[in-house]
Amino acid sequence: LGGLGQVAGSRGRHEEELDLFQRADAVQPEDPWILGN
C-alpha cells in the first residue's frame, strides 16, 4: 500500500496517495515510514 502510495505521489495523484497511506496506517499504525509519508 505504501509503495503504491509513493508511486501515486510521484505521479502527482495526491488524493490517491493519501488514501493509500491512510489504508497502510490503518493496517500498521505505529510505523514511522508510513506516518512520515
PDB file of all heavy atoms in Angstrom:
ATOM      1  N   LEU A   1       0.835  -1.202   0.000  1.00  0.00           N
ATOM      2  CA  LEU A   1       0.000   0.000   0.000  1.00  0.00           C
ATOM      3  C   LEU A   1       0.869   1.251   0.000  1.00  0.00           C
ATOM      4  O   LEU A   1       0.622   2.197  -0.755  1.00  0.00           O
ATOM      5  CB  LEU A   1      -0.934   0.004   1.221  1.00  0.00           C
ATOM      6  CG  LEU A   1      -2.080  -0.993   1.189  1.00  0.00           C
ATOM      7  CD1 LEU A   1      -2.696  -1.129   2.582  1.00  0.00           C
ATOM      8  CD2 LEU A   1      -3.129  -0.577   0.168  1.00  0.00           C
ATOM      9  N   GLY A   2       1.893   1.250   0.844  1.00  0.00           N
ATOM     10  CA  GLY A   2       2.789   2.397   0.919  1.00  0.00           C
ATOM     11  C   GLY A   2       3.586   2.596  -0.350  1.00  0.00           C
ATOM     12  O   GLY A   2       3.755   3.725  -0.820  1.00  0.00           O
ATOM     13  N   GLY A   3       4.074   1.512  -0.929  1.00  0.00           N
ATOM     14  CA  GLY A   3       4.812   1.618  -2.185  1.00  0.00           C
ATOM     15  C   GLY A   3       3.944   2.194  -3.293  1.00  0.00           C
ATOM     16  O   GLY A   3       4.366   3.090  -4.033  1.00  0.00           O
ATOM     17  N   LEU A   4       2.708   1.707  -3.383  1.00  0.00           N
ATOM     18  CA  LEU A   4       1.788   2.229  -4.387  1.00  0.00           C
ATOM     19  C   LEU A   4       1.443   3.684  -4.081  1.00  0.00           C
ATOM     20  O   LEU A   4       1.281   4.497  -4.996  1.00  0.00           O
ATOM     21  CB  LEU A   4       0.535   1.353  -4.449  1.00  0.00           C
ATOM     22  CG  LEU A   4      -0.367   1.498  -5.657  1.00  0.00           C
ATOM     23  CD1 LEU A   4       0.399   1.319  -6.958  1.00  0.00           C
ATOM     24  CD2 LEU A   4      -1.520   0.498  -5.565  1.00  0.00           C
ATOM     25  N   GLY A   5       1.372   4.022  -2.797  1.00  0.00           N
ATOM     26  CA  GLY A   5       1.146   5.418  -2.399  1.00  0.00           C
ATOM     27  C   GLY A   5       2.269   6.327  -2.861  1.00  0.00           C
ATOM     28  O   GLY A   5       2.023   7.436  -3.351  1.00  0.00           O
ATOM     29  N   GLN A   6       3.496   5.861  -2.722  1.00  0.00           N
ATOM     30  CA  GLN A   6       4.637   6.660  -3.193  1.00  0.00           C
ATOM     31  C   GLN A   6       4.596   6.851  -4.707  1.00  0.00           C
ATOM     32  O   GLN A   6       4.898   7.928  -5.209  1.00  0.00           O
ATOM     33  CB  GLN A   6       5.960   6.014  -2.784  1.00  0.00           C
ATOM     34  CG  GLN A   6       6.285   6.200  -1.336  1.00  0.00           C
ATOM     35  CD  GLN A   6       7.677   5.689  -1.003  1.00  0.00           C
ATOM     36  OE1 GLN A   6       8.088   4.625  -1.462  1.00  0.00           O
ATOM     37  NE2 GLN A   6       8.393   6.440  -0.204  1.00  0.00           N
ATOM     38  N   VAL A   7       4.215   5.815  -5.420  1.00  0.00           N
ATOM     39  CA  VAL A   7       4.102   5.924  -6.875  1.00  0.00           C
ATOM     40  C   VAL A   7       3.030   6.959  -7.229  1.00  0.00           C
ATOM     41  O   VAL A   7       3.250   7.821  -8.083  1.00  0.00           O
ATOM     42  CB  VAL A   7       3.797   4.551  -7.519  1.00  0.00           C
ATOM     43  CG1 VAL A   7       3.429   4.703  -8.986  1.00  0.00           C
ATOM     44  CG2 VAL A   7       4.984   3.611  -7.355  1.00  0.00           C
ATOM     45  N   ALA A   8       1.884   6.893  -6.563  1.00  0.00           N
ATOM     46  CA  ALA A   8       0.809   7.860  -6.826  1.00  0.00           C
ATOM     47  C   ALA A   8       1.293   9.280  -6.543  1.00  0.00           C
ATOM     48  O   ALA A   8       1.031  10.202  -7.326  1.00  0.00           O
ATOM     49  CB  ALA A   8      -0.415   7.526  -5.965  1.00  0.00           C
ATOM     50  N   GLY A   9       2.021   9.473  -5.448  1.00  0.00           N
ATOM     51  CA  GLY A   9       2.560  10.786  -5.118  1.00  0.00           C
ATOM     52  C   GLY A   9       3.543  11.275  -6.170  1.00  0.00           C
ATOM     53  O   GLY A   9       3.525  12.447  -6.550  1.00  0.00           O
ATOM     54  N   SER A  10       4.379  10.374  -6.665  1.00  0.00           N
ATOM     55  CA  SER A  10       5.345  10.740  -7.709  1.00  0.00           C
ATOM     56  C   SER A  10       4.654  11.161  -8.996  1.00  0.00           C
ATOM     57  O   SER A  10       5.193  11.936  -9.773  1.00  0.00           O
ATOM     58  CB  SER A  10       6.285   9.565  -8.012  1.00  0.00           C
ATOM     59  OG  SER A  10       7.066   9.263  -6.897  1.00  0.00           O
ATOM     60  N   ARG A  11       3.479  10.660  -9.195  1.00  0.00           N
ATOM     61  CA  ARG A  11       2.698  11.000 -10.393  1.00  0.00           C
ATOM     62  C   ARG A  11       1.811  12.226 -10.174  1.00  0.00           C
ATOM     63  O   ARG A  11       1.054  12.601 -11.060  1.00  0.00           O
ATOM     64  CB  ARG A  11       1.831   9.813 -10.791  1.00  0.00           C
ATOM     65  CG  ARG A  11       2.612   8.636 -11.289  1.00  0.00           C
ATOM     66  CD  ARG A  11       1.687   7.489 -11.572  1.00  0.00           C
ATOM     67  NE  ARG A  11       2.337   6.488 -12.390  1.00  0.00           N
ATOM     68  CZ  ARG A  11       1.820   5.295 -12.622  1.00  0.00           C
ATOM     69  NH1 ARG A  11       0.650   4.963 -12.113  1.00  0.00           N
ATOM     70  NH2 ARG A  11       2.465   4.440 -13.364  1.00  0.00           N
ATOM     71  N   GLY A  12       1.877  12.799  -8.971  1.00  0.00           N
ATOM     72  CA  GLY A  12       1.061  13.974  -8.671  1.00  0.00           C
ATOM     73  C   GLY A  12      -0.377  13.645  -8.316  1.00  0.00           C
ATOM     74  O   GLY A  12      -1.223  14.530  -8.249  1.00  0.00           O
ATOM     75  N   ARG A  13      -0.669  12.393  -8.054  1.00  0.00           N
ATOM     76  CA  ARG A  13      -2.031  11.966  -7.695  1.00  0.00           C
ATOM     77  C   ARG A  13      -2.122  11.889  -6.172  1.00  0.00           C
ATOM     78  O   ARG A  13      -2.113  10.817  -5.581  1.00  0.00           O
ATOM     79  CB  ARG A  13      -2.347  10.650  -8.388  1.00  0.00           C
ATOM     80  CG  ARG A  13      -2.299  10.848  -9.895  1.00  0.00           C
ATOM     81  CD  ARG A  13      -2.686   9.723 -10.792  1.00  0.00           C
ATOM     82  NE  ARG A  13      -2.741   8.370 -10.329  1.00  0.00           N
ATOM     83  CZ  ARG A  13      -2.385   7.323 -11.071  1.00  0.00           C
ATOM     84  NH1 ARG A  13      -1.925   7.507 -12.290  1.00  0.00           N
ATOM     85  NH2 ARG A  13      -2.495   6.111 -10.596  1.00  0.00           N
ATOM     86  N   HIS A  14      -2.220  13.073  -5.562  1.00  0.00           N
ATOM     87  CA  HIS A  14      -2.074  13.173  -4.110  1.00  0.00           C
ATOM     88  C   HIS A  14      -3.280  12.677  -3.327  1.00  0.00           C
ATOM     89  O   HIS A  14      -3.124  12.192  -2.204  1.00  0.00           O
ATOM     90  CB  HIS A  14      -1.696  14.595  -3.725  1.00  0.00           C
ATOM     91  CG  HIS A  14      -0.416  15.024  -4.376  1.00  0.00           C
ATOM     92  ND1 HIS A  14       0.771  14.344  -4.204  1.00  0.00           N
ATOM     93  CD2 HIS A  14      -0.143  16.027  -5.228  1.00  0.00           C
ATOM     94  CE1 HIS A  14       1.724  14.919  -4.912  1.00  0.00           C
ATOM     95  NE2 HIS A  14       1.198  15.944  -5.550  1.00  0.00           N
ATOM     96  N   GLU A  15      -4.477  12.759  -3.885  1.00  0.00           N
ATOM     97  CA  GLU A  15      -5.649  12.185  -3.191  1.00  0.00           C
ATOM     98  C   GLU A  15      -5.499  10.671  -3.105  1.00  0.00           C
ATOM     99  O   GLU A  15      -5.774  10.073  -2.064  1.00  0.00           O
ATOM    100  CB  GLU A  15      -6.947  12.566  -3.922  1.00  0.00           C
ATOM    101  CG  GLU A  15      -7.330  14.025  -3.812  1.00  0.00           C
ATOM    102  CD  GLU A  15      -7.800  14.428  -2.418  1.00  0.00           C
ATOM    103  OE1 GLU A  15      -8.122  13.547  -1.580  1.00  0.00           O
ATOM    104  OE2 GLU A  15      -7.845  15.648  -2.158  1.00  0.00           O
ATOM    105  N   GLU A  16      -5.076  10.059  -4.201  1.00  0.00           N
ATOM    106  CA  GLU A  16      -4.848   8.618  -4.219  1.00  0.00           C
ATOM    107  C   GLU A  16      -3.707   8.250  -3.261  1.00  0.00           C
ATOM    108  O   GLU A  16      -3.801   7.267  -2.516  1.00  0.00           O
ATOM    109  CB  GLU A  16      -4.512   8.175  -5.641  1.00  0.00           C
ATOM    110  CG  GLU A  16      -4.268   6.695  -5.797  1.00  0.00           C
ATOM    111  CD  GLU A  16      -3.887   6.304  -7.222  1.00  0.00           C
ATOM    112  OE1 GLU A  16      -4.054   7.120  -8.162  1.00  0.00           O
ATOM    113  OE2 GLU A  16      -3.400   5.179  -7.387  1.00  0.00           O
ATOM    114  N   GLU A  17      -2.648   9.052  -3.274  1.00  0.00           N
ATOM    115  CA  GLU A  17      -1.520   8.844  -2.366  1.00  0.00           C
ATOM    116  C   GLU A  17      -2.003   8.856  -0.917  1.00  0.00           C
ATOM    117  O   GLU A  17      -1.677   7.969  -0.125  1.00  0.00           O
ATOM    118  CB  GLU A  17      -0.486   9.945  -2.598  1.00  0.00           C
ATOM    119  CG  GLU A  17       0.652   9.965  -1.607  1.00  0.00           C
ATOM    120  CD  GLU A  17       1.506  11.214  -1.717  1.00  0.00           C
ATOM    121  OE1 GLU A  17       1.014  12.270  -2.179  1.00  0.00           O
ATOM    122  OE2 GLU A  17       2.674  11.132  -1.309  1.00  0.00           O
ATOM    123  N   LEU A  18      -2.805   9.865  -0.588  1.00  0.00           N
ATOM    124  CA  LEU A  18      -3.327   9.988   0.774  1.00  0.00           C
ATOM    125  C   LEU A  18      -4.158   8.769   1.149  1.00  0.00           C
ATOM    126  O   LEU A  18      -3.981   8.193   2.228  1.00  0.00           O
ATOM    127  CB  LEU A  18      -4.156  11.266   0.912  1.00  0.00           C
ATOM    128  CG  LEU A  18      -4.848  11.472   2.256  1.00  0.00           C
ATOM    129  CD1 LEU A  18      -3.830  11.566   3.389  1.00  0.00           C
ATOM    130  CD2 LEU A  18      -5.718  12.710   2.213  1.00  0.00           C
ATOM    131  N   ASP A  19      -5.056   8.357   0.257  1.00  0.00           N
ATOM    132  CA  ASP A  19      -5.909   7.201   0.525  1.00  0.00           C
ATOM    133  C   ASP A  19      -5.071   5.951   0.802  1.00  0.00           C
ATOM    134  O   ASP A  19      -5.338   5.214   1.758  1.00  0.00           O
ATOM    135  CB  ASP A  19      -6.847   6.954  -0.663  1.00  0.00           C
ATOM    136  CG  ASP A  19      -7.671   5.691  -0.478  1.00  0.00           C
ATOM    137  OD1 ASP A  19      -8.471   5.631   0.482  1.00  0.00           O
ATOM    138  OD2 ASP A  19      -7.504   4.747  -1.286  1.00  0.00           O
ATOM    139  N   LEU A  20      -4.054   5.725  -0.006  1.00  0.00           N
ATOM    140  CA  LEU A  20      -3.224   4.532   0.167  1.00  0.00           C
ATOM    141  C   LEU A  20      -2.447   4.572   1.473  1.00  0.00           C
ATOM    142  O   LEU A  20      -2.337   3.555   2.173  1.00  0.00           O
ATOM    143  CB  LEU A  20      -2.293   4.369  -1.035  1.00  0.00           C
ATOM    144  CG  LEU A  20      -3.017   3.920  -2.313  1.00  0.00           C
ATOM    145  CD1 LEU A  20      -2.202   4.251  -3.550  1.00  0.00           C
ATOM    146  CD2 LEU A  20      -3.332   2.423  -2.241  1.00  0.00           C
ATOM    147  N   PHE A  21      -1.916   5.741   1.846  1.00  0.00           N
ATOM    148  CA  PHE A  21      -1.193   5.816   3.114  1.00  0.00           C
ATOM    149  C   PHE A  21      -2.128   5.752   4.314  1.00  0.00           C
ATOM    150  O   PHE A  21      -1.754   5.227   5.366  1.00  0.00           O
ATOM    151  CB  PHE A  21      -0.272   7.039   3.159  1.00  0.00           C
ATOM    152  CG  PHE A  21       1.024   6.784   2.455  1.00  0.00           C
ATOM    153  CD1 PHE A  21       1.315   7.409   1.260  1.00  0.00           C
ATOM    154  CD2 PHE A  21       1.939   5.873   2.964  1.00  0.00           C
ATOM    155  CE1 PHE A  21       2.504   7.152   0.589  1.00  0.00           C
ATOM    156  CE2 PHE A  21       3.127   5.600   2.305  1.00  0.00           C
ATOM    157  CZ  PHE A  21       3.412   6.240   1.111  1.00  0.00           C
ATOM    158  N   GLN A  22      -3.351   6.227   4.167  1.00  0.00           N
ATOM    159  CA  GLN A  22      -4.323   6.070   5.251  1.00  0.00           C
ATOM    160  C   GLN A  22      -4.660   4.597   5.439  1.00  0.00           C
ATOM    161  O   GLN A  22      -4.783   4.125   6.576  1.00  0.00           O
ATOM    162  CB  GLN A  22      -5.589   6.886   4.964  1.00  0.00           C
ATOM    163  CG  GLN A  22      -5.386   8.357   5.168  1.00  0.00           C
ATOM    164  CD  GLN A  22      -6.587   9.190   4.746  1.00  0.00           C
ATOM    165  OE1 GLN A  22      -7.316   8.844   3.810  1.00  0.00           O
ATOM    166  NE2 GLN A  22      -6.794  10.303   5.427  1.00  0.00           N
ATOM    167  N   ARG A  23      -4.808   3.873   4.340  1.00  0.00           N
ATOM    168  CA  ARG A  23      -5.062   2.435   4.423  1.00  0.00           C
ATOM    169  C   ARG A  23      -3.879   1.715   5.061  1.00  0.00           C
ATOM    170  O   ARG A  23      -4.055   0.821   5.896  1.00  0.00           O
ATOM    171  CB  ARG A  23      -5.374   1.876   3.041  1.00  0.00           C
ATOM    172  CG  ARG A  23      -6.742   2.308   2.527  1.00  0.00           C
ATOM    173  CD  ARG A  23      -7.007   1.911   1.081  1.00  0.00           C
ATOM    174  NE  ARG A  23      -6.730   0.512   0.791  1.00  0.00           N
ATOM    175  CZ  ARG A  23      -6.574   0.038  -0.441  1.00  0.00           C
ATOM    176  NH1 ARG A  23      -6.653   0.848  -1.487  1.00  0.00           N
ATOM    177  NH2 ARG A  23      -6.329  -1.242  -0.637  1.00  0.00           N
ATOM    178  N   ALA A  24      -2.666   2.102   4.671  1.00  0.00           N
ATOM    179  CA  ALA A  24      -1.472   1.485   5.264  1.00  0.00           C
ATOM    180  C   ALA A  24      -1.388   1.790   6.755  1.00  0.00           C
ATOM    181  O   ALA A  24      -1.043   0.918   7.562  1.00  0.00           O
ATOM    182  CB  ALA A  24      -0.216   1.975   4.544  1.00  0.00           C
ATOM    183  N   ASP A  25      -1.737   3.022   7.134  1.00  0.00           N
ATOM    184  CA  ASP A  25      -1.715   3.414   8.542  1.00  0.00           C
ATOM    185  C   ASP A  25      -2.738   2.620   9.352  1.00  0.00           C
ATOM    186  O   ASP A  25      -2.483   2.269  10.502  1.00  0.00           O
ATOM    187  CB  ASP A  25      -1.965   4.918   8.665  1.00  0.00           C
ATOM    188  CG  ASP A  25      -1.883   5.416  10.098  1.00  0.00           C
ATOM    189  OD1 ASP A  25      -0.924   5.034  10.815  1.00  0.00           O
ATOM    190  OD2 ASP A  25      -2.780   6.178  10.514  1.00  0.00           O
ATOM    191  N   ALA A  26      -3.881   2.321   8.757  1.00  0.00           N
ATOM    192  CA  ALA A  26      -4.897   1.528   9.454  1.00  0.00           C
ATOM    193  C   ALA A  26      -4.393   0.113   9.731  1.00  0.00           C
ATOM    194  O   ALA A  26      -4.720  -0.482  10.761  1.00  0.00           O
ATOM    195  CB  ALA A  26      -6.186   1.482   8.624  1.00  0.00           C
ATOM    196  N   VAL A  27      -3.559  -0.406   8.827  1.00  0.00           N
ATOM    197  CA  VAL A  27      -3.012  -1.748   8.988  1.00  0.00           C
ATOM    198  C   VAL A  27      -1.836  -1.743   9.967  1.00  0.00           C
ATOM    199  O   VAL A  27      -1.699  -2.633  10.796  1.00  0.00           O
ATOM    200  CB  VAL A  27      -2.541  -2.310   7.615  1.00  0.00           C
ATOM    201  CG1 VAL A  27      -1.820  -3.638   7.779  1.00  0.00           C
ATOM    202  CG2 VAL A  27      -3.717  -2.440   6.669  1.00  0.00           C
ATOM    203  N   GLN A  28      -1.007  -0.728   9.887  1.00  0.00           N
ATOM    204  CA  GLN A  28       0.233  -0.659  10.662  1.00  0.00           C
ATOM    205  C   GLN A  28       0.379   0.748  11.246  1.00  0.00           C
ATOM    206  O   GLN A  28       1.182   1.544  10.771  1.00  0.00           O
ATOM    207  CB  GLN A  28       1.400  -0.974   9.719  1.00  0.00           C
ATOM    208  CG  GLN A  28       2.512  -1.745  10.346  1.00  0.00           C
ATOM    209  CD  GLN A  28       3.421  -2.310   9.267  1.00  0.00           C
ATOM    210  OE1 GLN A  28       2.993  -3.109   8.436  1.00  0.00           O
ATOM    211  NE2 GLN A  28       4.661  -1.902   9.295  1.00  0.00           N
ATOM    212  N   PRO A  29      -0.388   1.062  12.301  1.00  0.00           N
ATOM    213  CA  PRO A  29      -0.477   2.452  12.781  1.00  0.00           C
ATOM    214  C   PRO A  29       0.762   3.016  13.478  1.00  0.00           C
ATOM    215  O   PRO A  29       0.865   4.217  13.630  1.00  0.00           O
ATOM    216  CB  PRO A  29      -1.664   2.416  13.739  1.00  0.00           C
ATOM    217  CG  PRO A  29      -1.797   0.999  14.148  1.00  0.00           C
ATOM    218  CD  PRO A  29      -1.277   0.172  13.008  1.00  0.00           C
ATOM    219  N   GLU A  30       1.683   2.230  13.864  1.00  0.00           N
ATOM    220  CA  GLU A  30       2.852   2.739  14.585  1.00  0.00           C
ATOM    221  C   GLU A  30       4.117   2.665  13.738  1.00  0.00           C
ATOM    222  O   GLU A  30       5.212   2.515  14.271  1.00  0.00           O
ATOM    223  CB  GLU A  30       3.033   1.976  15.899  1.00  0.00           C
ATOM    224  CG  GLU A  30       1.857   2.112  16.852  1.00  0.00           C
ATOM    225  CD  GLU A  30       1.602   3.554  17.259  1.00  0.00           C
ATOM    226  OE1 GLU A  30       2.561   4.257  17.647  1.00  0.00           O
ATOM    227  OE2 GLU A  30       0.438   3.987  17.180  1.00  0.00           O
ATOM    228  N   ASP A  31       3.976   2.786  12.443  1.00  0.00           N
ATOM    229  CA  ASP A  31       5.117   2.695  11.546  1.00  0.00           C
ATOM    230  C   ASP A  31       5.568   4.096  11.140  1.00  0.00           C
ATOM    231  O   ASP A  31       4.839   4.807  10.449  1.00  0.00           O
ATOM    232  CB  ASP A  31       4.719   1.890  10.305  1.00  0.00           C
ATOM    233  CG  ASP A  31       5.893   1.635   9.389  1.00  0.00           C
ATOM    234  OD1 ASP A  31       6.546   2.618   8.958  1.00  0.00           O
ATOM    235  OD2 ASP A  31       6.150   0.455   9.082  1.00  0.00           O
ATOM    236  N   PRO A  32       6.766   4.515  11.561  1.00  0.00           N
ATOM    237  CA  PRO A  32       7.233   5.870  11.244  1.00  0.00           C
ATOM    238  C   PRO A  32       7.326   6.164   9.749  1.00  0.00           C
ATOM    239  O   PRO A  32       7.059   7.281   9.317  1.00  0.00           O
ATOM    240  CB  PRO A  32       8.619   5.946  11.894  1.00  0.00           C
ATOM    241  CG  PRO A  32       8.651   4.855  12.896  1.00  0.00           C
ATOM    242  CD  PRO A  32       7.715   3.794  12.402  1.00  0.00           C
ATOM    243  N   TRP A  33       7.699   5.168   8.937  1.00  0.00           N
ATOM    244  CA  TRP A  33       7.791   5.371   7.494  1.00  0.00           C
ATOM    245  C   TRP A  33       6.411   5.717   6.923  1.00  0.00           C
ATOM    246  O   TRP A  33       6.266   6.655   6.144  1.00  0.00           O
ATOM    247  CB  TRP A  33       8.363   4.127   6.827  1.00  0.00           C
ATOM    248  CG  TRP A  33       8.425   4.226   5.331  1.00  0.00           C
ATOM    249  CD1 TRP A  33       9.359   4.912   4.592  1.00  0.00           C
ATOM    250  CD2 TRP A  33       7.528   3.650   4.393  1.00  0.00           C
ATOM    251  NE1 TRP A  33       9.087   4.787   3.248  1.00  0.00           N
ATOM    252  CE2 TRP A  33       7.958   4.009   3.096  1.00  0.00           C
ATOM    253  CE3 TRP A  33       6.377   2.868   4.507  1.00  0.00           C
ATOM    254  CZ2 TRP A  33       7.306   3.618   1.941  1.00  0.00           C
ATOM    255  CZ3 TRP A  33       5.727   2.466   3.352  1.00  0.00           C
ATOM    256  CH2 TRP A  33       6.189   2.846   2.092  1.00  0.00           C
ATOM    257  N   ILE A  34       5.400   4.956   7.330  1.00  0.00           N
ATOM    258  CA  ILE A  34       4.037   5.212   6.856  1.00  0.00           C
ATOM    259  C   ILE A  34       3.567   6.571   7.348  1.00  0.00           C
ATOM    260  O   ILE A  34       3.011   7.369   6.580  1.00  0.00           O
ATOM    261  CB  ILE A  34       3.079   4.089   7.317  1.00  0.00           C
ATOM    262  CG1 ILE A  34       3.415   2.783   6.594  1.00  0.00           C
ATOM    263  CG2 ILE A  34       1.620   4.484   7.071  1.00  0.00           C
ATOM    264  CD1 ILE A  34       2.696   1.563   7.127  1.00  0.00           C
ATOM    265  N   LEU A  35       3.787   6.862   8.623  1.00  0.00           N
ATOM    266  CA  LEU A  35       3.336   8.149   9.174  1.00  0.00           C
ATOM    267  C   LEU A  35       4.036   9.327   8.509  1.00  0.00           C
ATOM    268  O   LEU A  35       3.409  10.357   8.247  1.00  0.00           O
ATOM    269  CB  LEU A  35       3.565   8.181  10.686  1.00  0.00           C
ATOM    270  CG  LEU A  35       2.646   7.274  11.499  1.00  0.00           C
ATOM    271  CD1 LEU A  35       3.127   7.188  12.938  1.00  0.00           C
ATOM    272  CD2 LEU A  35       1.211   7.744  11.415  1.00  0.00           C
ATOM    273  N   GLY A  36       5.326   9.192   8.217  1.00  0.00           N
ATOM    274  CA  GLY A  36       6.053  10.263   7.538  1.00  0.00           C
ATOM    275  C   GLY A  36       5.473  10.533   6.158  1.00  0.00           C
ATOM    276  O   GLY A  36       5.262  11.685   5.764  1.00  0.00           O
ATOM    277  N   ASN A  37       5.182   9.472   5.431  1.00  0.00           N
ATOM    278  CA  ASN A  37       4.597   9.625   4.102  1.00  0.00           C
ATOM    279  C   ASN A  37       3.160  10.125   4.164  1.00  0.00           C
ATOM    280  O   ASN A  37       2.741  10.925   3.330  1.00  0.00           O
ATOM    281  CB  ASN A  37       4.666   8.301   3.331  1.00  0.00           C
ATOM    282  CG  ASN A  37       6.041   8.041   2.787  1.00  0.00           C
ATOM    283  OD1 ASN A  37       6.474   8.685   1.853  1.00  0.00           O
ATOM    284  ND2 ASN A  37       6.748   7.099   3.381  1.00  0.00           N
TER     285      ASN A  37
END
